[in-house]
Amino acid sequence: MLFLAPVHVLIVYGAKRFFHTLERQTAVAEEIQRRAAKVPPEKRQAVIDALKKQYNKIEAEVALVKEREEADRRSFDRKFWFFYWCAAAVSYGIFGGETTIWLILGSWLCLAFRAAFLS
């Protein structure tokens, strides 16, 4: 049993790598299609073939854009949670501990709903 215990870690790691690679390749293919859509339909296949030869360059550009979007998202998350906990501290000072706990739990439920259904 001890021998099989760490196998799930390898499975999760492999799945993450696989889906990251799949996501990256999909993003590059979408970028190639987006660039090819700018030319007339009769020249589109030639442009796609030319862009496939520049796959590594396009992949680097897409990775840079994804990295920038991730940095913006992390920056927003830090600001959001900082102001969230500042508001919780002010709420604690105004209403006391028991009311503040219910406010925090209610806001977490709202955030979970937003993340699950509205993203």
Foldseek 3Di string as FASTA:
>chain_A
DVVCVCVVVVVVVVVVVVVVVVVLVVLLVVVLVVVLVVDDPVCSVVSSVVVVVVSVVSSVVSVVVVVVVVVVVVVVVVVVVVVVVVVLVVCCVPPNDPVSVVVVVVVVVVVVCCVPPVD
